[in-house]
Amino acid sequence: MIKKCLFPAAGYGTRFLPATKAVPKEMLPILNKPLLQYGVEEALSSGITNMAVVTGRGKRAIEDHFDNAFELESQLNGTSKDHYLKEIKEIIKKSTFTYVRQKEMLGLGHAILTGEPLIGEEPFAVILADDLCDCAENGVISQMIEVYDKYQCSIIAIQEVPMSQTSKYGIITGDLIENSDNTYLVTDMVEKPDEKMAPSNMAIIGRYILTPEIFKILKDIKPHKNGEIQITDALKIQAKQSKVIAYKFKGNRFDCGSVRGYVEAINYFAKKLNVDV
């Protein structure tokens, strides 16, 4: 059973400067709800209640958001605006939040390794909040847990992207698993290849279920020249040592780490919720 979800949330969010100079990118709102709250709600909908957050300098707003605000609640209690806090209060009630700080920004693999003390020796989910996903039925993590329950190994979510965009993603190659049209046994993966060098157009997006063996691999792996430790490299090793499954999820995904994707997400949810803009 997957009981914990790790949220790497220590990045600088440079593509949204100057807004992210003081506001964590994970707290940028889609309508009236911050990105990270969407991720926590996705984890909760899959049955996960333990949220482990890797933060950094200037990220205290994350902890404050997922905590009671007694003065604000007192001011709104019994008024017509009381319902505005109902949703977040339910999340706080149902969830346990733990935090650890990433002292240096050394890649996603390093961020996940930083979260090891919060996870321990058990399989866990990972959600990157700036990959915002919306699904008609089960959320992406719920879909991936079903795949994990069947194969008992690390699972990565993938999406087909235009070949011209492969340099923005980790790209996988794999063998389609028999009697499936969306599940692959990973044979190789490459971090951000140029279009001409990309082995496919199947891109890894910000959803993972990882087995605890990934921590040992991350500790032993060699950093890139820029000092970063990439989760793609660790998963490539794990795929060779045992197996890694790639799952083409059902749903919509918005790259809210980019201004274009962020605006697309706002427009999508405004239309979905029938918000007059």
C-alpha atoms as a PDB file:
ATOM      1  CA  MET A   1       0.000   0.000   0.000  1.00  0.00           C
ATOM      2  CA  ILE A   2       1.270   3.471  -0.882  1.00  0.00           C
ATOM      3  CA  LYS A   3       0.949   5.602   2.260  1.00  0.00           C
ATOM      4  CA  LYS A   4       3.201   8.596   1.546  1.00  0.00           C
ATOM      5  CA  CYS A   5       3.574  11.165  -1.194  1.00  0.00           C
ATOM      6  CA  LEU A   6       6.690  13.270  -1.654  1.00  0.00           C
ATOM      7  CA  PHE A   7       6.408  16.811  -3.020  1.00  0.00           C
ATOM      8  CA  PRO A   8       9.738  18.307  -4.191  1.00  0.00           C
ATOM      9  CA  ALA A   9       9.092  22.029  -3.689  1.00  0.00           C
ATOM     10  CA  ALA A  10      12.477  23.686  -3.218  1.00  0.00           C
ATOM     11  CA  GLY A  11      13.066  25.059  -6.730  1.00  0.00           C
ATOM     12  CA  TYR A  12      13.476  28.761  -7.442  1.00  0.00           C
ATOM     13  CA  GLY A  13      10.762  29.062 -10.101  1.00  0.00           C
ATOM     14  CA  THR A  14      12.963  31.322 -12.202  1.00  0.00           C
ATOM     15  CA  ARG A  15      10.586  31.326 -15.180  1.00  0.00           C
ATOM     16  CA  PHE A  16       8.073  33.224 -13.042  1.00  0.00           C
ATOM     17  CA  LEU A  17      10.382  35.899 -11.671  1.00  0.00           C
ATOM     18  CA  PRO A  18       9.871  38.439 -10.249  1.00  0.00           C
ATOM     19  CA  ALA A  19       6.643  36.933  -8.829  1.00  0.00           C
ATOM     20  CA  THR A  20       8.536  33.957  -7.349  1.00  0.00           C
ATOM     21  CA  LYS A  21      11.141  36.121  -5.634  1.00  0.00           C
ATOM     22  CA  ALA A  22       8.920  36.106  -2.537  1.00  0.00           C
ATOM     23  CA  VAL A  23       6.121  33.658  -3.463  1.00  0.00           C
ATOM     24  CA  PRO A  24       6.931  29.938  -3.894  1.00  0.00           C
ATOM     25  CA  LYS A  25       6.063  28.797  -7.431  1.00  0.00           C
ATOM     26  CA  GLU A  26       4.092  25.929  -5.862  1.00  0.00           C
ATOM     27  CA  MET A  27       1.812  28.551  -4.284  1.00  0.00           C
ATOM     28  CA  LEU A  28       0.942  30.293  -7.552  1.00  0.00           C
ATOM     29  CA  PRO A  29      -2.851  30.086  -7.866  1.00  0.00           C
ATOM     30  CA  ILE A  30      -4.937  28.434 -10.536  1.00  0.00           C
ATOM     31  CA  LEU A  31      -8.067  30.512  -9.968  1.00  0.00           C
ATOM     32  CA  ASN A  32      -8.330  30.598  -6.152  1.00  0.00           C
ATOM     33  CA  LYS A  33      -6.287  27.496  -5.315  1.00  0.00           C
ATOM     34  CA  PRO A  34      -2.474  27.123  -5.253  1.00  0.00           C
ATOM     35  CA  LEU A  35      -0.799  24.528  -7.447  1.00  0.00           C
ATOM     36  CA  LEU A  36       0.443  22.485  -4.499  1.00  0.00           C
ATOM     37  CA  GLN A  37      -3.083  22.138  -3.111  1.00  0.00           C
ATOM     38  CA  TYR A  38      -4.189  20.508  -6.370  1.00  0.00           C
ATOM     39  CA  GLY A  39      -1.356  18.002  -5.920  1.00  0.00           C
ATOM     40  CA  VAL A  40      -2.256  17.276  -2.302  1.00  0.00           C
ATOM     41  CA  GLU A  41      -5.895  16.754  -3.296  1.00  0.00           C
ATOM     42  CA  GLU A  42      -4.773  14.277  -5.963  1.00  0.00           C
ATOM     43  CA  ALA A  43      -2.779  12.341  -3.369  1.00  0.00           C
ATOM     44  CA  LEU A  44      -5.701  12.353  -0.922  1.00  0.00           C
ATOM     45  CA  SER A  45      -8.072  11.066  -3.602  1.00  0.00           C
ATOM     46  CA  SER A  46      -5.795   8.032  -4.020  1.00  0.00           C
ATOM     47  CA  GLY A  47      -5.957   7.208  -0.304  1.00  0.00           C
ATOM     48  CA  ILE A  48      -2.606   8.771   0.667  1.00  0.00           C
ATOM     49  CA  THR A  49      -2.728  10.909   3.817  1.00  0.00           C
ATOM     50  CA  ASN A  50       0.967  11.428   4.643  1.00  0.00           C
ATOM     51  CA  MET A  51       2.362  14.384   2.656  1.00  0.00           C
ATOM     52  CA  ALA A  52       6.156  14.771   2.761  1.00  0.00           C
ATOM     53  CA  VAL A  53       7.343  18.128   1.410  1.00  0.00           C
ATOM     54  CA  VAL A  54      10.920  19.002   0.409  1.00  0.00           C
ATOM     55  CA  THR A  55      11.205  22.768   0.793  1.00  0.00           C
ATOM     56  CA  GLY A  56      13.940  25.385   0.744  1.00  0.00           C
ATOM     57  CA  ARG A  57      14.708  28.947   1.695  1.00  0.00           C
ATOM     58  CA  GLY A  58      11.740  31.297   1.228  1.00  0.00           C
ATOM     59  CA  LYS A  59       9.134  28.524   1.207  1.00  0.00           C
ATOM     60  CA  ARG A  60       7.475  29.116   4.584  1.00  0.00           C
ATOM     61  CA  ALA A  61       4.226  30.069   2.837  1.00  0.00           C
ATOM     62  CA  ILE A  62       3.761  26.364   2.038  1.00  0.00           C
ATOM     63  CA  GLU A  63       3.794  25.389   5.716  1.00  0.00           C
ATOM     64  CA  ASP A  64       1.509  28.292   6.615  1.00  0.00           C
ATOM     65  CA  HIS A  65      -1.015  27.335   3.934  1.00  0.00           C
ATOM     66  CA  PHE A  66      -1.372  23.777   5.227  1.00  0.00           C
ATOM     67  CA  ASP A  67      -1.853  24.909   8.821  1.00  0.00           C
ATOM     68  CA  ASN A  68      -4.753  26.374  10.788  1.00  0.00           C
ATOM     69  CA  ALA A  69      -5.140  30.156  10.610  1.00  0.00           C
ATOM     70  CA  PHE A  70      -6.969  30.892  13.846  1.00  0.00           C
ATOM     71  CA  GLU A  71      -7.220  34.668  13.434  1.00  0.00           C
ATOM     72  CA  LEU A  72      -8.583  34.394   9.887  1.00  0.00           C
ATOM     73  CA  GLU A  73     -10.972  31.616  10.851  1.00  0.00           C
ATOM     74  CA  SER A  74     -12.207  33.671  13.788  1.00  0.00           C
ATOM     75  CA  GLN A  75     -12.855  36.670  11.544  1.00  0.00           C
ATOM     76  CA  LEU A  76     -14.792  34.625   8.971  1.00  0.00           C
ATOM     77  CA  ASN A  77     -16.639  32.319  11.379  1.00  0.00           C
ATOM     78  CA  GLY A  78     -20.400  32.785  11.091  1.00  0.00           C
ATOM     79  CA  THR A  79     -20.125  35.117   8.100  1.00  0.00           C
ATOM     80  CA  SER A  80     -21.117  34.611   4.472  1.00  0.00           C
ATOM     81  CA  LYS A  81     -17.424  34.038   3.645  1.00  0.00           C
ATOM     82  CA  ASP A  82     -16.911  31.142   6.061  1.00  0.00           C
ATOM     83  CA  HIS A  83     -17.254  28.572   3.255  1.00  0.00           C
ATOM     84  CA  TYR A  84     -14.089  29.861   1.524  1.00  0.00           C
ATOM     85  CA  LEU A  85     -11.915  28.034   4.083  1.00  0.00           C
ATOM     86  CA  LYS A  86     -13.937  24.812   4.227  1.00  0.00           C
ATOM     87  CA  GLU A  87     -11.935  23.001   1.524  1.00  0.00           C
ATOM     88  CA  ILE A  88      -8.472  23.685   2.932  1.00  0.00           C
ATOM     89  CA  LYS A  89      -9.629  22.937   6.503  1.00  0.00           C
ATOM     90  CA  GLU A  90     -10.798  19.498   5.339  1.00  0.00           C
ATOM     91  CA  ILE A  91      -7.388  18.850   3.746  1.00  0.00           C
ATOM     92  CA  ILE A  92      -5.584  19.855   6.949  1.00  0.00           C
ATOM     93  CA  LYS A  93      -7.879  17.588   8.976  1.00  0.00           C
ATOM     94  CA  LYS A  94      -7.347  14.547   6.760  1.00  0.00           C
ATOM     95  CA  SER A  95      -3.592  14.925   6.113  1.00  0.00           C
ATOM     96  CA  THR A  96      -0.318  14.788   7.999  1.00  0.00           C
ATOM     97  CA  PHE A  97       2.387  17.126   6.687  1.00  0.00           C
ATOM     98  CA  THR A  98       6.105  16.666   7.295  1.00  0.00           C
ATOM     99  CA  TYR A  99       8.890  18.877   5.958  1.00  0.00           C
ATOM    100  CA  VAL A 100      12.592  18.772   5.242  1.00  0.00           C
ATOM    101  CA  ARG A 101      14.792  21.454   3.634  1.00  0.00           C
ATOM    102  CA  GLN A 102      16.914  20.899   0.563  1.00  0.00           C
ATOM    103  CA  LYS A 103      20.063  22.898   1.270  1.00  0.00           C
ATOM    104  CA  GLU A 104      21.292  22.954  -2.329  1.00  0.00           C
ATOM    105  CA  MET A 105      19.373  22.839  -5.609  1.00  0.00           C
ATOM    106  CA  LEU A 106      21.086  19.849  -7.227  1.00  0.00           C
ATOM    107  CA  GLY A 107      18.399  18.332  -9.403  1.00  0.00           C
ATOM    108  CA  LEU A 108      15.203  16.342  -8.918  1.00  0.00           C
ATOM    109  CA  GLY A 109      17.101  13.202  -7.947  1.00  0.00           C
ATOM    110  CA  HIS A 110      18.830  15.108  -5.133  1.00  0.00           C
ATOM    111  CA  ALA A 111      15.480  16.547  -3.998  1.00  0.00           C
ATOM    112  CA  ILE A 112      13.971  13.059  -3.798  1.00  0.00           C
ATOM    113  CA  LEU A 113      17.025  11.790  -1.907  1.00  0.00           C
ATOM    114  CA  THR A 114      16.653  14.705   0.527  1.00  0.00           C
ATOM    115  CA  GLY A 115      13.184  13.380   1.321  1.00  0.00           C
ATOM    116  CA  GLU A 116      14.439   9.941   2.378  1.00  0.00           C
ATOM    117  CA  PRO A 117      14.163  10.646   6.154  1.00  0.00           C
ATOM    118  CA  LEU A 118      10.479  11.458   5.673  1.00  0.00           C
ATOM    119  CA  ILE A 119       9.789   8.311   3.605  1.00  0.00           C
ATOM    120  CA  GLY A 120      11.817   5.482   5.125  1.00  0.00           C
ATOM    121  CA  GLU A 121      11.897   1.973   3.690  1.00  0.00           C
ATOM    122  CA  GLU A 122       8.616   1.857   1.816  1.00  0.00           C
ATOM    123  CA  PRO A 123       7.281   2.579  -1.675  1.00  0.00           C
ATOM    124  CA  PHE A 124       6.015   6.126  -2.154  1.00  0.00           C
ATOM    125  CA  ALA A 125       4.437   8.474  -4.677  1.00  0.00           C
ATOM    126  CA  VAL A 126       6.027  11.652  -6.030  1.00  0.00           C
ATOM    127  CA  ILE A 127       4.056  14.623  -7.352  1.00  0.00           C
ATOM    128  CA  LEU A 128       5.621  17.657  -9.021  1.00  0.00           C
ATOM    129  CA  ALA A 129       3.075  20.389  -8.346  1.00  0.00           C
ATOM    130  CA  ASP A 130       3.846  22.395 -11.467  1.00  0.00           C
ATOM    131  CA  ASP A 131       2.654  19.450 -13.572  1.00  0.00           C
ATOM    132  CA  LEU A 132      -1.057  19.996 -12.993  1.00  0.00           C
ATOM    133  CA  CYS A 133      -3.247  17.082 -14.050  1.00  0.00           C
ATOM    134  CA  ASP A 134      -7.004  16.803 -14.352  1.00  0.00           C
ATOM    135  CA  CYS A 135      -8.695  13.464 -14.978  1.00  0.00           C
ATOM    136  CA  ALA A 136     -12.303  12.561 -15.730  1.00  0.00           C
ATOM    137  CA  GLU A 137     -12.360   9.787 -13.142  1.00  0.00           C
ATOM    138  CA  ASN A 138      -9.401   8.587 -11.060  1.00  0.00           C
ATOM    139  CA  GLY A 139      -6.446  10.931 -10.621  1.00  0.00           C
ATOM    140  CA  VAL A 140      -3.060  10.077 -12.107  1.00  0.00           C
ATOM    141  CA  ILE A 141      -1.620   8.736  -8.833  1.00  0.00           C
ATOM    142  CA  SER A 142      -4.715   6.559  -8.316  1.00  0.00           C
ATOM    143  CA  GLN A 143      -4.245   5.128 -11.814  1.00  0.00           C
ATOM    144  CA  MET A 144      -0.553   4.501 -11.129  1.00  0.00           C
ATOM    145  CA  ILE A 145      -1.248   2.760  -7.824  1.00  0.00           C
ATOM    146  CA  GLU A 146      -3.373   0.230  -9.718  1.00  0.00           C
ATOM    147  CA  VAL A 147      -0.377  -0.433 -11.996  1.00  0.00           C
ATOM    148  CA  TYR A 148       1.969  -0.670  -8.989  1.00  0.00           C
ATOM    149  CA  ASP A 149      -0.326  -3.156  -7.249  1.00  0.00           C
ATOM    150  CA  LYS A 150      -0.007  -5.396 -10.312  1.00  0.00           C
ATOM    151  CA  TYR A 151       3.748  -5.140 -10.970  1.00  0.00           C
ATOM    152  CA  GLN A 152       5.267  -4.141  -7.580  1.00  0.00           C
ATOM    153  CA  CYS A 153       8.016  -1.954  -9.078  1.00  0.00           C
ATOM    154  CA  SER A 154       8.731   1.702  -9.786  1.00  0.00           C
ATOM    155  CA  ILE A 155       6.124   3.298 -12.057  1.00  0.00           C
ATOM    156  CA  ILE A 156       6.592   6.478 -14.109  1.00  0.00           C
ATOM    157  CA  ALA A 157       3.827   8.466 -15.803  1.00  0.00           C
ATOM    158  CA  ILE A 158       4.381   9.292 -19.471  1.00  0.00           C
ATOM    159  CA  GLN A 159       2.720  11.374 -22.153  1.00  0.00           C
ATOM    160  CA  GLU A 160       3.313  11.637 -25.875  1.00  0.00           C
ATOM    161  CA  VAL A 161       4.749  15.032 -26.836  1.00  0.00           C
ATOM    162  CA  PRO A 162       5.714  16.596 -30.188  1.00  0.00           C
ATOM    163  CA  MET A 163       9.217  15.531 -31.258  1.00  0.00           C
ATOM    164  CA  SER A 164      10.196  19.209 -31.283  1.00  0.00           C
ATOM    165  CA  GLN A 165       9.717  19.277 -27.466  1.00  0.00           C
ATOM    166  CA  THR A 166      11.736  16.209 -26.455  1.00  0.00           C
ATOM    167  CA  SER A 167      14.591  18.422 -25.226  1.00  0.00           C
ATOM    168  CA  LYS A 168      12.349  19.533 -22.336  1.00  0.00           C
ATOM    169  CA  TYR A 169      11.753  16.043 -20.893  1.00  0.00           C
ATOM    170  CA  GLY A 170      13.164  12.718 -19.897  1.00  0.00           C
ATOM    171  CA  ILE A 171      12.288  10.402 -22.805  1.00  0.00           C
ATOM    172  CA  ILE A 172      11.719   6.646 -22.503  1.00  0.00           C
ATOM    173  CA  THR A 173      11.777   3.685 -24.814  1.00  0.00           C
ATOM    174  CA  GLY A 174      10.063   0.470 -23.872  1.00  0.00           C
ATOM    175  CA  ASP A 175       8.201  -2.633 -24.900  1.00  0.00           C
ATOM    176  CA  LEU A 176       4.422  -2.528 -24.809  1.00  0.00           C
ATOM    177  CA  ILE A 177       3.240  -5.030 -22.223  1.00  0.00           C
ATOM    178  CA  GLU A 178       1.002  -7.745 -23.623  1.00  0.00           C
ATOM    179  CA  ASN A 179      -2.758  -7.080 -23.422  1.00  0.00           C
ATOM    180  CA  SER A 180      -2.144  -3.396 -22.709  1.00  0.00           C
ATOM    181  CA  ASP A 181      -2.280  -0.261 -24.819  1.00  0.00           C
ATOM    182  CA  ASN A 182      -0.794   2.122 -22.269  1.00  0.00           C
ATOM    183  CA  THR A 183       1.778   0.243 -20.153  1.00  0.00           C
ATOM    184  CA  TYR A 184       5.430  -0.277 -21.166  1.00  0.00           C
ATOM    185  CA  LEU A 185       8.402  -2.148 -19.752  1.00  0.00           C
ATOM    186  CA  VAL A 186      11.134   0.489 -19.845  1.00  0.00           C
ATOM    187  CA  THR A 187      14.277  -0.509 -21.739  1.00  0.00           C
ATOM    188  CA  ASP A 188      16.033   2.860 -21.821  1.00  0.00           C
ATOM    189  CA  MET A 189      15.589   6.528 -20.996  1.00  0.00           C
ATOM    190  CA  VAL A 190      17.434   9.709 -21.937  1.00  0.00           C
ATOM    191  CA  GLU A 191      17.383  13.071 -20.174  1.00  0.00           C
ATOM    192  CA  LYS A 192      16.291  15.947 -22.445  1.00  0.00           C
ATOM    193  CA  PRO A 193      17.554  14.681 -25.819  1.00  0.00           C
ATOM    194  CA  ASP A 194      17.540  16.838 -28.944  1.00  0.00           C
ATOM    195  CA  GLU A 195      14.846  15.981 -31.451  1.00  0.00           C
ATOM    196  CA  LYS A 196      17.321  14.160 -33.717  1.00  0.00           C
ATOM    197  CA  MET A 197      18.672  12.081 -30.820  1.00  0.00           C
ATOM    198  CA  ALA A 198      15.353  11.290 -29.116  1.00  0.00           C
ATOM    199  CA  PRO A 199      14.526   7.549 -29.179  1.00  0.00           C
ATOM    200  CA  SER A 200      10.762   8.247 -28.978  1.00  0.00           C
ATOM    201  CA  ASN A 201       8.273  10.963 -28.112  1.00  0.00           C
ATOM    202  CA  MET A 202       7.142   9.366 -24.840  1.00  0.00           C
ATOM    203  CA  ALA A 203       7.977  11.924 -22.168  1.00  0.00           C
ATOM    204  CA  ILE A 204       8.169  11.443 -18.400  1.00  0.00           C
ATOM    205  CA  ILE A 205       5.891  13.844 -16.530  1.00  0.00           C
ATOM    206  CA  GLY A 206       5.810  14.791 -12.866  1.00  0.00           C
ATOM    207  CA  ARG A 207       4.203  11.687 -11.380  1.00  0.00           C
ATOM    208  CA  TYR A 208       6.138   8.702 -10.011  1.00  0.00           C
ATOM    209  CA  ILE A 209       5.711   5.745  -7.724  1.00  0.00           C
ATOM    210  CA  LEU A 210       9.140   4.704  -6.493  1.00  0.00           C
ATOM    211  CA  THR A 211      10.349   1.724  -4.514  1.00  0.00           C
ATOM    212  CA  PRO A 212      12.774   2.458  -1.635  1.00  0.00           C
ATOM    213  CA  GLU A 213      15.718   0.920  -3.531  1.00  0.00           C
ATOM    214  CA  ILE A 214      15.828   4.177  -5.488  1.00  0.00           C
ATOM    215  CA  PHE A 215      17.477   5.907  -2.522  1.00  0.00           C
ATOM    216  CA  LYS A 216      20.555   3.656  -2.615  1.00  0.00           C
ATOM    217  CA  ILE A 217      20.879   4.170  -6.364  1.00  0.00           C
ATOM    218  CA  LEU A 218      20.653   7.945  -5.930  1.00  0.00           C
ATOM    219  CA  LYS A 219      23.378   7.863  -3.268  1.00  0.00           C
ATOM    220  CA  ASP A 220      25.736   5.947  -5.533  1.00  0.00           C
ATOM    221  CA  ILE A 221      25.030   7.750  -8.782  1.00  0.00           C
ATOM    222  CA  LYS A 222      27.521  10.160 -10.340  1.00  0.00           C
ATOM    223  CA  PRO A 223      26.307  13.778 -10.635  1.00  0.00           C
ATOM    224  CA  HIS A 224      26.269  15.487 -14.020  1.00  0.00           C
ATOM    225  CA  LYS A 225      28.926  18.085 -14.855  1.00  0.00           C
ATOM    226  CA  ASN A 226      26.668  20.781 -13.427  1.00  0.00           C
ATOM    227  CA  GLY A 227      26.541  18.875 -10.122  1.00  0.00           C
ATOM    228  CA  GLU A 228      22.910  17.795 -10.516  1.00  0.00           C
ATOM    229  CA  ILE A 229      21.625  14.311  -9.716  1.00  0.00           C
ATOM    230  CA  GLN A 230      18.813  13.312 -12.068  1.00  0.00           C
ATOM    231  CA  ILE A 231      16.062  10.858 -11.180  1.00  0.00           C
ATOM    232  CA  THR A 232      16.105   9.752 -14.844  1.00  0.00           C
ATOM    233  CA  ASP A 233      19.628   8.368 -14.411  1.00  0.00           C
ATOM    234  CA  ALA A 234      18.623   6.476 -11.276  1.00  0.00           C
ATOM    235  CA  LEU A 235      15.530   5.006 -12.907  1.00  0.00           C
ATOM    236  CA  LYS A 236      17.604   3.910 -15.892  1.00  0.00           C
ATOM    237  CA  ILE A 237      19.835   1.925 -13.532  1.00  0.00           C
ATOM    238  CA  GLN A 238      16.823   0.495 -11.718  1.00  0.00           C
ATOM    239  CA  ALA A 239      15.281  -0.566 -15.034  1.00  0.00           C
ATOM    240  CA  LYS A 240      18.416  -2.602 -15.778  1.00  0.00           C
ATOM    241  CA  GLN A 241      18.730  -4.054 -12.268  1.00  0.00           C
ATOM    242  CA  SER A 242      15.085  -5.085 -11.943  1.00  0.00           C
ATOM    243  CA  LYS A 243      12.289  -3.353 -13.866  1.00  0.00           C
ATOM    244  CA  VAL A 244      10.531  -0.025 -14.268  1.00  0.00           C
ATOM    245  CA  ILE A 245       7.088   0.380 -15.806  1.00  0.00           C
ATOM    246  CA  ALA A 246       5.980   3.426 -17.798  1.00  0.00           C
ATOM    247  CA  TYR A 247       2.273   4.191 -17.760  1.00  0.00           C
ATOM    248  CA  LYS A 248       0.507   6.444 -20.284  1.00  0.00           C
ATOM    249  CA  PHE A 249      -2.056   8.032 -18.002  1.00  0.00           C
ATOM    250  CA  LYS A 250      -5.619   9.038 -18.873  1.00  0.00           C
ATOM    251  CA  GLY A 251      -6.243  12.751 -18.372  1.00  0.00           C
ATOM    252  CA  ASN A 252      -5.134  16.304 -19.165  1.00  0.00           C
ATOM    253  CA  ARG A 253      -1.802  17.725 -18.092  1.00  0.00           C
ATOM    254  CA  PHE A 254      -0.630  21.327 -17.940  1.00  0.00           C
ATOM    255  CA  ASP A 255       3.008  22.396 -17.624  1.00  0.00           C
ATOM    256  CA  CYS A 256       2.493  25.147 -15.073  1.00  0.00           C
ATOM    257  CA  GLY A 257       6.251  25.589 -14.806  1.00  0.00           C
ATOM    258  CA  SER A 258       5.918  27.620 -18.001  1.00  0.00           C
ATOM    259  CA  VAL A 259       3.894  30.791 -18.451  1.00  0.00           C
ATOM    260  CA  ARG A 260       2.071  29.341 -21.480  1.00  0.00           C
ATOM    261  CA  GLY A 261       1.042  26.181 -19.590  1.00  0.00           C
ATOM    262  CA  TYR A 262       0.054  28.209 -16.542  1.00  0.00           C
ATOM    263  CA  VAL A 263      -2.282  30.423 -18.584  1.00  0.00           C
ATOM    264  CA  GLU A 264      -3.713  27.367 -20.377  1.00  0.00           C
ATOM    265  CA  ALA A 265      -4.490  25.785 -16.986  1.00  0.00           C
ATOM    266  CA  ILE A 266      -6.256  28.914 -15.732  1.00  0.00           C
ATOM    267  CA  ASN A 267      -8.384  29.094 -18.884  1.00  0.00           C
ATOM    268  CA  TYR A 268      -9.167  25.357 -18.729  1.00  0.00           C
ATOM    269  CA  PHE A 269     -10.323  25.400 -15.095  1.00  0.00           C
ATOM    270  CA  ALA A 270     -12.227  28.668 -15.539  1.00  0.00           C
ATOM    271  CA  LYS A 271     -14.188  27.042 -18.366  1.00  0.00           C
ATOM    272  CA  LYS A 272     -14.606  23.745 -16.503  1.00  0.00           C
ATOM    273  CA  LEU A 273     -15.921  25.482 -13.365  1.00  0.00           C
ATOM    274  CA  ASN A 274     -17.956  27.963 -15.385  1.00  0.00           C
ATOM    275  CA  VAL A 275     -16.154  30.947 -13.893  1.00  0.00           C
ATOM    276  CA  ASP A 276     -17.057  34.272 -15.475  1.00  0.00           C
ATOM    277  CA  VAL A 277     -13.742  35.890 -16.532  1.00  0.00           C
END
